[in-house]
PDB file of N, CA and C in Angstrom:
ATOM      1  N   MET A   1     -26.247  11.438  20.496  1.00  0.00           N
ATOM      2  CA  MET A   1     -25.749  10.347  19.706  1.00  0.00           C
ATOM      3  C   MET A   1     -24.523  10.764  18.894  1.00  0.00           C
ATOM      4  N   SER A   2     -24.519  11.988  18.379  1.00  0.00           N
ATOM      5  CA  SER A   2     -23.390  12.416  17.565  1.00  0.00           C
ATOM      6  C   SER A   2     -22.112  12.501  18.401  1.00  0.00           C
ATOM      7  N   ARG A   3     -22.241  12.783  19.697  1.00  0.00           N
ATOM      8  CA  ARG A   3     -21.059  12.787  20.559  1.00  0.00           C
ATOM      9  C   ARG A   3     -20.476  11.398  20.687  1.00  0.00           C
ATOM     10  N   THR A   4     -21.356  10.406  20.797  1.00  0.00           N
ATOM     11  CA  THR A   4     -20.882   9.022  20.915  1.00  0.00           C
ATOM     12  C   THR A   4     -20.160   8.603  19.643  1.00  0.00           C
ATOM     13  N   VAL A   5     -20.725   8.933  18.500  1.00  0.00           N
ATOM     14  CA  VAL A   5     -20.087   8.585  17.234  1.00  0.00           C
ATOM     15  C   VAL A   5     -18.781   9.344  17.081  1.00  0.00           C
ATOM     16  N   SER A   6     -18.775  10.623  17.443  1.00  0.00           N
ATOM     17  CA  SER A   6     -17.573  11.434  17.344  1.00  0.00           C
ATOM     18  C   SER A   6     -16.479  10.906  18.271  1.00  0.00           C
ATOM     19  N   SER A   7     -16.834  10.562  19.487  1.00  0.00           N
ATOM     20  CA  SER A   7     -15.822  10.031  20.410  1.00  0.00           C
ATOM     21  C   SER A   7     -15.337   8.665  19.939  1.00  0.00           C
ATOM     22  N   SER A   8     -16.238   7.891  19.341  1.00  0.00           N
ATOM     23  CA  SER A   8     -15.828   6.597  18.811  1.00  0.00           C
ATOM     24  C   SER A   8     -14.825   6.779  17.676  1.00  0.00           C
ATOM     25  N   LEU A   9     -15.095   7.729  16.806  1.00  0.00           N
ATOM     26  CA  LEU A   9     -14.164   7.990  15.710  1.00  0.00           C
ATOM     27  C   LEU A   9     -12.830   8.520  16.239  1.00  0.00           C
ATOM     28  N   ASP A  10     -12.879   9.349  17.260  1.00  0.00           N
ATOM     29  CA  ASP A  10     -11.645   9.843  17.868  1.00  0.00           C
ATOM     30  C   ASP A  10     -10.835   8.705  18.480  1.00  0.00           C
ATOM     31  N   GLN A  11     -11.521   7.776  19.122  1.00  0.00           N
ATOM     32  CA  GLN A  11     -10.828   6.625  19.704  1.00  0.00           C
ATOM     33  C   GLN A  11     -10.217   5.761  18.614  1.00  0.00           C
ATOM     34  N   GLN A  12     -10.954   5.555  17.534  1.00  0.00           N
ATOM     35  CA  GLN A  12     -10.424   4.754  16.433  1.00  0.00           C
ATOM     36  C   GLN A  12      -9.211   5.428  15.806  1.00  0.00           C
ATOM     37  N   LEU A  13      -9.285   6.753  15.661  1.00  0.00           N
ATOM     38  CA  LEU A  13      -8.157   7.485  15.094  1.00  0.00           C
ATOM     39  C   LEU A  13      -6.938   7.407  16.006  1.00  0.00           C
ATOM     40  N   SER A  14      -7.135   7.535  17.289  1.00  0.00           N
ATOM     41  CA  SER A  14      -5.994   7.446  18.207  1.00  0.00           C
ATOM     42  C   SER A  14      -5.415   6.034  18.230  1.00  0.00           C
ATOM     43  N   ARG A  15      -6.277   5.023  18.119  1.00  0.00           N
ATOM     44  CA  ARG A  15      -5.768   3.645  18.046  1.00  0.00           C
ATOM     45  C   ARG A  15      -4.992   3.417  16.763  1.00  0.00           C
ATOM     46  N   ALA A  16      -5.468   3.988  15.651  1.00  0.00           N
ATOM     47  CA  ALA A  16      -4.763   3.841  14.378  1.00  0.00           C
ATOM     48  C   ALA A  16      -3.402   4.522  14.436  1.00  0.00           C
ATOM     49  N   LYS A  17      -3.333   5.712  15.040  1.00  0.00           N
ATOM     50  CA  LYS A  17      -2.055   6.401  15.177  1.00  0.00           C
ATOM     51  C   LYS A  17      -1.097   5.610  16.058  1.00  0.00           C
ATOM     52  N   SER A  18      -1.631   5.026  17.113  1.00  0.00           N
ATOM     53  CA  SER A  18      -0.781   4.240  18.001  1.00  0.00           C
ATOM     54  C   SER A  18      -0.272   2.986  17.294  1.00  0.00           C
ATOM     55  N   CYS A  19      -1.105   2.373  16.455  1.00  0.00           N
ATOM     56  CA  CYS A  19      -0.666   1.203  15.674  1.00  0.00           C
ATOM     57  C   CYS A  19       0.475   1.584  14.737  1.00  0.00           C
ATOM     58  N   ALA A  20       0.318   2.709  14.059  1.00  0.00           N
ATOM     59  CA  ALA A  20       1.350   3.165  13.126  1.00  0.00           C
ATOM     60  C   ALA A  20       2.644   3.490  13.865  1.00  0.00           C
ATOM     61  N   ARG A  21       2.530   4.117  15.011  1.00  0.00           N
ATOM     62  CA  ARG A  21       3.713   4.466  15.809  1.00  0.00           C
ATOM     63  C   ARG A  21       4.437   3.201  16.266  1.00  0.00           C
ATOM     64  N   GLU A  22       3.674   2.230  16.754  1.00  0.00           N
ATOM     65  CA  GLU A  22       4.291   0.964  17.185  1.00  0.00           C
ATOM     66  C   GLU A  22       4.990   0.278  16.026  1.00  0.00           C
ATOM     67  N   GLY A  23       4.352   0.276  14.862  1.00  0.00           N
ATOM     68  CA  GLY A  23       4.951  -0.362  13.691  1.00  0.00           C
ATOM     69  C   GLY A  23       6.233   0.315  13.251  1.00  0.00           C
ATOM     70  N   ALA A  24       6.243   1.642  13.263  1.00  0.00           N
ATOM     71  CA  ALA A  24       7.445   2.372  12.861  1.00  0.00           C
ATOM     72  C   ALA A  24       8.587   2.131  13.837  1.00  0.00           C
ATOM     73  N   LEU A  25       8.284   2.109  15.114  1.00  0.00           N
ATOM     74  CA  LEU A  25       9.320   1.871  16.120  1.00  0.00           C
ATOM     75  C   LEU A  25       9.876   0.453  16.013  1.00  0.00           C
ATOM     76  N   ALA A  26       8.999  -0.518  15.887  1.00  0.00           N
ATOM     77  CA  ALA A  26       9.458  -1.909  15.759  1.00  0.00           C
ATOM     78  C   ALA A  26      10.251  -2.102  14.468  1.00  0.00           C
ATOM     79  N   GLY A  27       9.808  -1.458  13.387  1.00  0.00           N
ATOM     80  CA  GLY A  27      10.531  -1.553  12.126  1.00  0.00           C
ATOM     81  C   GLY A  27      11.910  -0.938  12.205  1.00  0.00           C
ATOM     82  N   ALA A  28      12.019   0.196  12.873  1.00  0.00           N
ATOM     83  CA  ALA A  28      13.326   0.844  13.021  1.00  0.00           C
ATOM     84  C   ALA A  28      14.281  -0.016  13.840  1.00  0.00           C
ATOM     85  N   GLN A  29      13.766  -0.620  14.894  1.00  0.00           N
ATOM     86  CA  GLN A  29      14.613  -1.498  15.703  1.00  0.00           C
ATOM     87  C   GLN A  29      15.078  -2.704  14.887  1.00  0.00           C
ATOM     88  N   ALA A  30      14.186  -3.256  14.092  1.00  0.00           N
ATOM     89  CA  ALA A  30      14.560  -4.403  13.256  1.00  0.00           C
ATOM     90  C   ALA A  30      15.560  -3.994  12.179  1.00  0.00           C
ATOM     91  N   ALA A  31      15.416  -2.786  11.641  1.00  0.00           N
ATOM     92  CA  ALA A  31      16.349  -2.314  10.620  1.00  0.00           C
ATOM     93  C   ALA A  31      17.757  -2.151  11.186  1.00  0.00           C
ATOM     94  N   VAL A  32      17.853  -1.652  12.396  1.00  0.00           N
ATOM     95  CA  VAL A  32      19.173  -1.510  13.029  1.00  0.00           C
ATOM     96  C   VAL A  32      19.800  -2.887  13.246  1.00  0.00           C
ATOM     97  N   ALA A  33      19.012  -3.811  13.745  1.00  0.00           N
ATOM     98  CA  ALA A  33      19.537  -5.163  13.976  1.00  0.00           C
ATOM     99  C   ALA A  33      19.933  -5.833  12.668  1.00  0.00           C
ATOM    100  N   ALA A  34      19.124  -5.658  11.623  1.00  0.00           N
ATOM    101  CA  ALA A  34      19.448  -6.265  10.328  1.00  0.00           C
ATOM    102  C   ALA A  34      20.680  -5.624   9.708  1.00  0.00           C
ATOM    103  N   SER A  35      20.857  -4.335   9.909  1.00  0.00           N
ATOM    104  CA  SER A  35      22.054  -3.666   9.379  1.00  0.00           C
ATOM    105  C   SER A  35      23.314  -4.243  10.005  1.00  0.00           C
ATOM    106  N   ILE A  36      23.278  -4.395  11.303  1.00  0.00           N
ATOM    107  CA  ILE A  36      24.441  -4.955  11.994  1.00  0.00           C
ATOM    108  C   ILE A  36      24.659  -6.406  11.591  1.00  0.00           C
ATOM    109  N   ALA A  37      23.550  -7.160  11.537  1.00  0.00           N
ATOM    110  CA  ALA A  37      23.660  -8.583  11.205  1.00  0.00           C
ATOM    111  C   ALA A  37      24.133  -8.815   9.773  1.00  0.00           C
ATOM    112  N   SER A  38      23.846  -7.894   8.869  1.00  0.00           N
ATOM    113  CA  SER A  38      24.307  -8.085   7.489  1.00  0.00           C
ATOM    114  C   SER A  38      25.645  -7.394   7.223  1.00  0.00           C
ATOM    115  N   ALA A  39      25.975  -6.366   7.985  1.00  0.00           N
ATOM    116  CA  ALA A  39      27.235  -5.653   7.760  1.00  0.00           C
ATOM    117  C   ALA A  39      28.438  -6.485   8.174  1.00  0.00           C
ATOM    118  N   ILE A  40      28.320  -7.195   9.267  1.00  0.00           N
ATOM    119  CA  ILE A  40      29.470  -7.955   9.770  1.00  0.00           C
ATOM    120  C   ILE A  40      29.912  -9.026   8.769  1.00  0.00           C
ATOM    121  N   PRO A  41      29.023  -9.906   8.287  1.00  0.00           N
ATOM    122  CA  PRO A  41      29.502 -10.899   7.320  1.00  0.00           C
ATOM    123  C   PRO A  41      29.886 -10.293   5.964  1.00  0.00           C
ATOM    124  N   THR A  42      29.224  -9.208   5.573  1.00  0.00           N
ATOM    125  CA  THR A  42      29.567  -8.592   4.285  1.00  0.00           C
ATOM    126  C   THR A  42      30.978  -8.024   4.323  1.00  0.00           C
ATOM    127  N   VAL A  43      31.283  -7.255   5.338  1.00  0.00           N
ATOM    128  CA  VAL A  43      32.621  -6.664   5.439  1.00  0.00           C
ATOM    129  C   VAL A  43      33.669  -7.746   5.674  1.00  0.00           C
ATOM    130  N   ALA A  44      33.342  -8.733   6.474  1.00  0.00           N
ATOM    131  CA  ALA A  44      34.303  -9.817   6.727  1.00  0.00           C
ATOM    132  C   ALA A  44      34.598 -10.605   5.448  1.00  0.00           C
ATOM    133  N   SER A  45      33.566 -10.859   4.656  1.00  0.00           N
ATOM    134  CA  SER A  45      33.806 -11.616   3.429  1.00  0.00           C
ATOM    135  C   SER A  45      34.627 -10.814   2.424  1.00  0.00           C
ATOM    136  N   VAL A  46      34.438  -9.510   2.372  1.00  0.00           N
ATOM    137  CA  VAL A  46      35.236  -8.686   1.457  1.00  0.00           C
ATOM    138  C   VAL A  46      36.695  -8.679   1.872  1.00  0.00           C
ATOM    139  N   ARG A  47      36.940  -8.732   3.160  1.00  0.00           N
ATOM    140  CA  ARG A  47      38.329  -8.717   3.622  1.00  0.00           C
ATOM    141  C   ARG A  47      39.002 -10.088   3.519  1.00  0.00           C
ATOM    142  N   LEU A  48      38.217 -11.169   3.578  1.00  0.00           N
ATOM    143  CA  LEU A  48      38.815 -12.500   3.638  1.00  0.00           C
ATOM    144  C   LEU A  48      38.741 -13.304   2.339  1.00  0.00           C
ATOM    145  N   LEU A  49      37.711 -13.085   1.526  1.00  0.00           N
ATOM    146  CA  LEU A  49      37.522 -13.898   0.323  1.00  0.00           C
ATOM    147  C   LEU A  49      38.008 -13.146  -0.919  1.00  0.00           C
ATOM    148  N   PRO A  50      38.860 -13.775  -1.704  1.00  0.00           N
ATOM    149  CA  PRO A  50      39.364 -13.088  -2.902  1.00  0.00           C
ATOM    150  C   PRO A  50      38.251 -12.733  -3.900  1.00  0.00           C
ATOM    151  N   TRP A  51      37.269 -13.614  -4.071  1.00  0.00           N
ATOM    152  CA  TRP A  51      36.177 -13.324  -5.008  1.00  0.00           C
ATOM    153  C   TRP A  51      35.398 -12.090  -4.564  1.00  0.00           C
ATOM    154  N   ALA A  52      35.066 -12.020  -3.287  1.00  0.00           N
ATOM    155  CA  ALA A  52      34.313 -10.874  -2.776  1.00  0.00           C
ATOM    156  C   ALA A  52      35.140  -9.596  -2.871  1.00  0.00           C
ATOM    157  N   ARG A  53      36.420  -9.690  -2.609  1.00  0.00           N
ATOM    158  CA  ARG A  53      37.283  -8.514  -2.702  1.00  0.00           C
ATOM    159  C   ARG A  53      37.311  -7.987  -4.134  1.00  0.00           C
ATOM    160  N   ALA A  54      37.299  -8.894  -5.103  1.00  0.00           N
ATOM    161  CA  ALA A  54      37.381  -8.483  -6.511  1.00  0.00           C
ATOM    162  C   ALA A  54      36.033  -7.987  -7.041  1.00  0.00           C
ATOM    163  N   ASN A  55      34.928  -8.500  -6.533  1.00  0.00           N
ATOM    164  CA  ASN A  55      33.636  -8.216  -7.147  1.00  0.00           C
ATOM    165  C   ASN A  55      32.689  -7.328  -6.345  1.00  0.00           C
ATOM    166  N   LEU A  56      32.931  -7.144  -5.069  1.00  0.00           N
ATOM    167  CA  LEU A  56      32.023  -6.333  -4.256  1.00  0.00           C
ATOM    168  C   LEU A  56      32.682  -5.003  -3.896  1.00  0.00           C
ATOM    169  N   ASN A  57      32.392  -3.993  -4.697  1.00  0.00           N
ATOM    170  CA  ASN A  57      32.919  -2.663  -4.392  1.00  0.00           C
ATOM    171  C   ASN A  57      32.102  -2.064  -3.240  1.00  0.00           C
ATOM    172  N   PRO A  58      32.492  -0.906  -2.726  1.00  0.00           N
ATOM    173  CA  PRO A  58      31.753  -0.322  -1.593  1.00  0.00           C
ATOM    174  C   PRO A  58      30.272  -0.064  -1.878  1.00  0.00           C
ATOM    175  N   THR A  59      29.946   0.242  -3.126  1.00  0.00           N
ATOM    176  CA  THR A  59      28.543   0.450  -3.472  1.00  0.00           C
ATOM    177  C   THR A  59      27.748  -0.842  -3.333  1.00  0.00           C
ATOM    178  N   ALA A  60      28.306  -1.929  -3.778  1.00  0.00           N
ATOM    179  CA  ALA A  60      27.630  -3.221  -3.650  1.00  0.00           C
ATOM    180  C   ALA A  60      27.476  -3.619  -2.184  1.00  0.00           C
ATOM    181  N   GLN A  61      28.469  -3.349  -1.392  1.00  0.00           N
ATOM    182  CA  GLN A  61      28.378  -3.660   0.033  1.00  0.00           C
ATOM    183  C   GLN A  61      27.273  -2.849   0.698  1.00  0.00           C
ATOM    184  N   ALA A  62      27.219  -1.562   0.370  1.00  0.00           N
ATOM    185  CA  ALA A  62      26.171  -0.715   0.940  1.00  0.00           C
ATOM    186  C   ALA A  62      24.793  -1.165   0.473  1.00  0.00           C
ATOM    187  N   LEU A  63      24.681  -1.597  -0.769  1.00  0.00           N
ATOM    188  CA  LEU A  63      23.407  -2.070  -1.293  1.00  0.00           C
ATOM    189  C   LEU A  63      22.946  -3.338  -0.572  1.00  0.00           C
ATOM    190  N   ILE A  64      23.861  -4.238  -0.289  1.00  0.00           N
ATOM    191  CA  ILE A  64      23.522  -5.465   0.443  1.00  0.00           C
ATOM    192  C   ILE A  64      23.010  -5.123   1.840  1.00  0.00           C
ATOM    193  N   ILE A  65      23.710  -4.246   2.514  1.00  0.00           N
ATOM    194  CA  ILE A  65      23.349  -3.892   3.893  1.00  0.00           C
ATOM    195  C   ILE A  65      22.033  -3.120   3.929  1.00  0.00           C
ATOM    196  N   SER A  66      21.876  -2.156   3.029  1.00  0.00           N
ATOM    197  CA  SER A  66      20.650  -1.346   3.061  1.00  0.00           C
ATOM    198  C   SER A  66      19.430  -2.137   2.607  1.00  0.00           C
ATOM    199  N   THR A  67      19.608  -3.094   1.719  1.00  0.00           N
ATOM    200  CA  THR A  67      18.482  -3.933   1.301  1.00  0.00           C
ATOM    201  C   THR A  67      17.997  -4.776   2.470  1.00  0.00           C
ATOM    202  N   ALA A  68      18.920  -5.330   3.227  1.00  0.00           N
ATOM    203  CA  ALA A  68      18.522  -6.121   4.394  1.00  0.00           C
ATOM    204  C   ALA A  68      17.816  -5.248   5.427  1.00  0.00           C
ATOM    205  N   ALA A  69      18.322  -4.039   5.636  1.00  0.00           N
ATOM    206  CA  ALA A  69      17.700  -3.129   6.611  1.00  0.00           C
ATOM    207  C   ALA A  69      16.314  -2.692   6.155  1.00  0.00           C
ATOM    208  N   GLY A  70      16.175  -2.355   4.891  1.00  0.00           N
ATOM    209  CA  GLY A  70      14.877  -1.936   4.365  1.00  0.00           C
ATOM    210  C   GLY A  70      13.845  -3.035   4.418  1.00  0.00           C
ATOM    211  N   ALA A  71      14.250  -4.232   4.057  1.00  0.00           N
ATOM    212  CA  ALA A  71      13.324  -5.363   4.107  1.00  0.00           C
ATOM    213  C   ALA A  71      12.880  -5.631   5.543  1.00  0.00           C
ATOM    214  N   ALA A  72      13.818  -5.596   6.462  1.00  0.00           N
ATOM    215  CA  ALA A  72      13.463  -5.828   7.867  1.00  0.00           C
ATOM    216  C   ALA A  72      12.514  -4.758   8.376  1.00  0.00           C
ATOM    217  N   TYR A  73      12.753  -3.500   8.003  1.00  0.00           N
ATOM    218  CA  TYR A  73      11.891  -2.404   8.449  1.00  0.00           C
ATOM    219  C   TYR A  73      10.458  -2.632   7.989  1.00  0.00           C
ATOM    220  N   PHE A  74      10.276  -2.903   6.708  1.00  0.00           N
ATOM    221  CA  PHE A  74       8.927  -3.029   6.189  1.00  0.00           C
ATOM    222  C   PHE A  74       8.232  -4.317   6.640  1.00  0.00           C
ATOM    223  N   ILE A  75       8.947  -5.403   6.718  1.00  0.00           N
ATOM    224  CA  ILE A  75       8.328  -6.665   7.135  1.00  0.00           C
ATOM    225  C   ILE A  75       7.914  -6.597   8.596  1.00  0.00           C
ATOM    226  N   VAL A  76       8.811  -6.184   9.463  1.00  0.00           N
ATOM    227  CA  VAL A  76       8.496  -6.127  10.896  1.00  0.00           C
ATOM    228  C   VAL A  76       7.464  -5.043  11.180  1.00  0.00           C
ATOM    229  N   GLY A  77       7.595  -3.895  10.525  1.00  0.00           N
ATOM    230  CA  GLY A  77       6.624  -2.827  10.718  1.00  0.00           C
ATOM    231  C   GLY A  77       5.229  -3.248  10.310  1.00  0.00           C
ATOM    232  N   ASP A  78       5.110  -3.913   9.173  1.00  0.00           N
ATOM    233  CA  ASP A  78       3.809  -4.380   8.691  1.00  0.00           C
ATOM    234  C   ASP A  78       3.212  -5.419   9.631  1.00  0.00           C
ATOM    235  N   ARG A  79       4.022  -6.351  10.057  1.00  0.00           N
ATOM    236  CA  ARG A  79       3.514  -7.383  10.976  1.00  0.00           C
ATOM    237  C   ARG A  79       3.085  -6.776  12.309  1.00  0.00           C
ATOM    238  N   THR A  80       3.808  -5.780  12.779  1.00  0.00           N
ATOM    239  CA  THR A  80       3.455  -5.128  14.040  1.00  0.00           C
ATOM    240  C   THR A  80       2.148  -4.359  13.911  1.00  0.00           C
ATOM    241  N   VAL A  81       1.985  -3.632  12.814  1.00  0.00           N
ATOM    242  CA  VAL A  81       0.743  -2.887  12.603  1.00  0.00           C
ATOM    243  C   VAL A  81      -0.433  -3.848  12.500  1.00  0.00           C
ATOM    244  N   LEU A  82      -0.273  -4.928  11.775  1.00  0.00           N
ATOM    245  CA  LEU A  82      -1.365  -5.899  11.648  1.00  0.00           C
ATOM    246  C   LEU A  82      -1.712  -6.548  12.986  1.00  0.00           C
ATOM    247  N   ALA A  83      -0.699  -6.894  13.761  1.00  0.00           N
ATOM    248  CA  ALA A  83      -0.961  -7.499  15.070  1.00  0.00           C
ATOM    249  C   ALA A  83      -1.650  -6.516  16.002  1.00  0.00           C
ATOM    250  N   SER A  84      -1.218  -5.266  15.958  1.00  0.00           N
ATOM    251  CA  SER A  84      -1.841  -4.255  16.798  1.00  0.00           C
ATOM    252  C   SER A  84      -3.273  -3.982  16.359  1.00  0.00           C
ATOM    253  N   ALA A  85      -3.507  -3.937  15.067  1.00  0.00           N
ATOM    254  CA  ALA A  85      -4.870  -3.728  14.564  1.00  0.00           C
ATOM    255  C   ALA A  85      -5.768  -4.904  14.923  1.00  0.00           C
ATOM    256  N   ARG A  86      -5.231  -6.094  14.843  1.00  0.00           N
ATOM    257  CA  ARG A  86      -6.013  -7.278  15.209  1.00  0.00           C
ATOM    258  C   ARG A  86      -6.359  -7.244  16.695  1.00  0.00           C
ATOM    259  N   ARG A  87      -5.402  -6.833  17.512  1.00  0.00           N
ATOM    260  CA  ARG A  87      -5.631  -6.740  18.946  1.00  0.00           C
ATOM    261  C   ARG A  87      -6.678  -5.666  19.256  1.00  0.00           C
ATOM    262  N   ASN A  88      -6.608  -4.540  18.552  1.00  0.00           N
ATOM    263  CA  ASN A  88      -7.560  -3.455  18.779  1.00  0.00           C
ATOM    264  C   ASN A  88      -8.940  -3.763  18.217  1.00  0.00           C
ATOM    265  N   SER A  89      -9.016  -4.611  17.215  1.00  0.00           N
ATOM    266  CA  SER A  89     -10.328  -4.918  16.648  1.00  0.00           C
ATOM    267  C   SER A  89     -11.150  -5.773  17.603  1.00  0.00           C
ATOM    268  N   LEU A  90     -10.506  -6.408  18.541  1.00  0.00           N
ATOM    269  CA  LEU A  90     -11.223  -7.210  19.522  1.00  0.00           C
ATOM    270  C   LEU A  90     -11.748  -6.362  20.672  1.00  0.00           C
ATOM    271  N   ALA A  91     -11.305  -5.102  20.754  1.00  0.00           N
ATOM    272  CA  ALA A  91     -11.782  -4.209  21.801  1.00  0.00           C
ATOM    273  C   ALA A  91     -13.238  -3.834  21.522  1.00  0.00           C
ATOM    274  N   PRO A  92     -14.048  -3.733  22.546  1.00  0.00           N
ATOM    275  CA  PRO A  92     -15.449  -3.397  22.316  1.00  0.00           C
ATOM    276  C   PRO A  92     -15.593  -1.967  21.804  1.00  0.00           C
ATOM    277  N   SER A  93     -16.489  -1.779  20.884  1.00  0.00           N
ATOM    278  CA  SER A  93     -16.755  -0.470  20.309  1.00  0.00           C
ATOM    279  C   SER A  93     -17.866   0.212  21.084  1.00  0.00           C
ATOM    280  N   PRO A  94     -17.786   1.534  21.279  1.00  0.00           N
ATOM    281  CA  PRO A  94     -18.880   2.240  21.962  1.00  0.00           C
ATOM    282  C   PRO A  94     -20.187   2.144  21.189  1.00  0.00           C
ATOM    283  N   LEU A  95     -20.118   1.953  19.877  1.00  0.00           N
ATOM    284  CA  LEU A  95     -21.335   1.813  19.090  1.00  0.00           C
ATOM    285  C   LEU A  95     -22.055   0.505  19.393  1.00  0.00           C
ATOM    286  N   ALA A  96     -21.324  -0.486  19.902  1.00  0.00           N
ATOM    287  CA  ALA A  96     -21.957  -1.762  20.225  1.00  0.00           C
ATOM    288  C   ALA A  96     -22.881  -1.624  21.425  1.00  0.00           C
ATOM    289  N   GLU A  97     -22.690  -0.558  22.209  1.00  0.00           N
ATOM    290  CA  GLU A  97     -23.520  -0.368  23.393  1.00  0.00           C
ATOM    291  C   GLU A  97     -24.835   0.335  23.072  1.00  0.00           C
ATOM    292  N   LEU A  98     -24.959   0.915  21.876  1.00  0.00           N
ATOM    293  CA  LEU A  98     -26.186   1.613  21.509  1.00  0.00           C
ATOM    294  C   LEU A  98     -27.310   0.624  21.208  1.00  0.00           C
ATOM    295  N   PRO A  99     -28.528   0.992  21.433  1.00  0.00           N
ATOM    296  CA  PRO A  99     -29.652   0.155  21.015  1.00  0.00           C
ATOM    297  C   PRO A  99     -29.643  -0.010  19.497  1.00  0.00           C
ATOM    298  N   ASP A 100     -30.254  -1.061  19.021  1.00  0.00           N
ATOM    299  CA  ASP A 100     -30.236  -1.379  17.606  1.00  0.00           C
ATOM    300  C   ASP A 100     -30.829  -0.279  16.732  1.00  0.00           C
ATOM    301  N   ASP A 101     -31.867   0.392  17.206  1.00  0.00           N
ATOM    302  CA  ASP A 101     -32.489   1.420  16.380  1.00  0.00           C
ATOM    303  C   ASP A 101     -31.622   2.677  16.276  1.00  0.00           C
ATOM    304  N   LEU A 102     -30.674   2.906  17.202  1.00  0.00           N
ATOM    305  CA  LEU A 102     -29.803   4.067  17.142  1.00  0.00           C
ATOM    306  C   LEU A 102     -28.478   3.753  16.466  1.00  0.00           C
ATOM    307  N   ALA A 103     -28.070   2.501  16.436  1.00  0.00           N
ATOM    308  CA  ALA A 103     -26.781   2.133  15.883  1.00  0.00           C
ATOM    309  C   ALA A 103     -26.761   2.257  14.366  1.00  0.00           C
ATOM    310  N   ALA A 104     -27.890   2.204  13.725  1.00  0.00           N
ATOM    311  CA  ALA A 104     -27.933   2.247  12.259  1.00  0.00           C
ATOM    312  C   ALA A 104     -27.761   3.621  11.691  1.00  0.00           C
TER     313      ALA A 104
END
């Protein structure tokens, strides 16, 4: 019985690691896309609009771009981890196959 519980815990741990890996990868991809999507209008507005040219120094521009990238990373990563965990929670557990008197 301890082997079944141990293998079940190993499977759960590997699924948790895979969820985290998927979330980090999806978050990184979203951060790259958000950086590009926010950098283009930010730089264009600084070059074309007098107000932006006067008020948005390079630090402010970098802050705008990095905030969008960071938000995208955490939002997409979190949603991916939750979706993966939800998908894995529907998978049958090896403990469900044990008789009731051994599962406790």
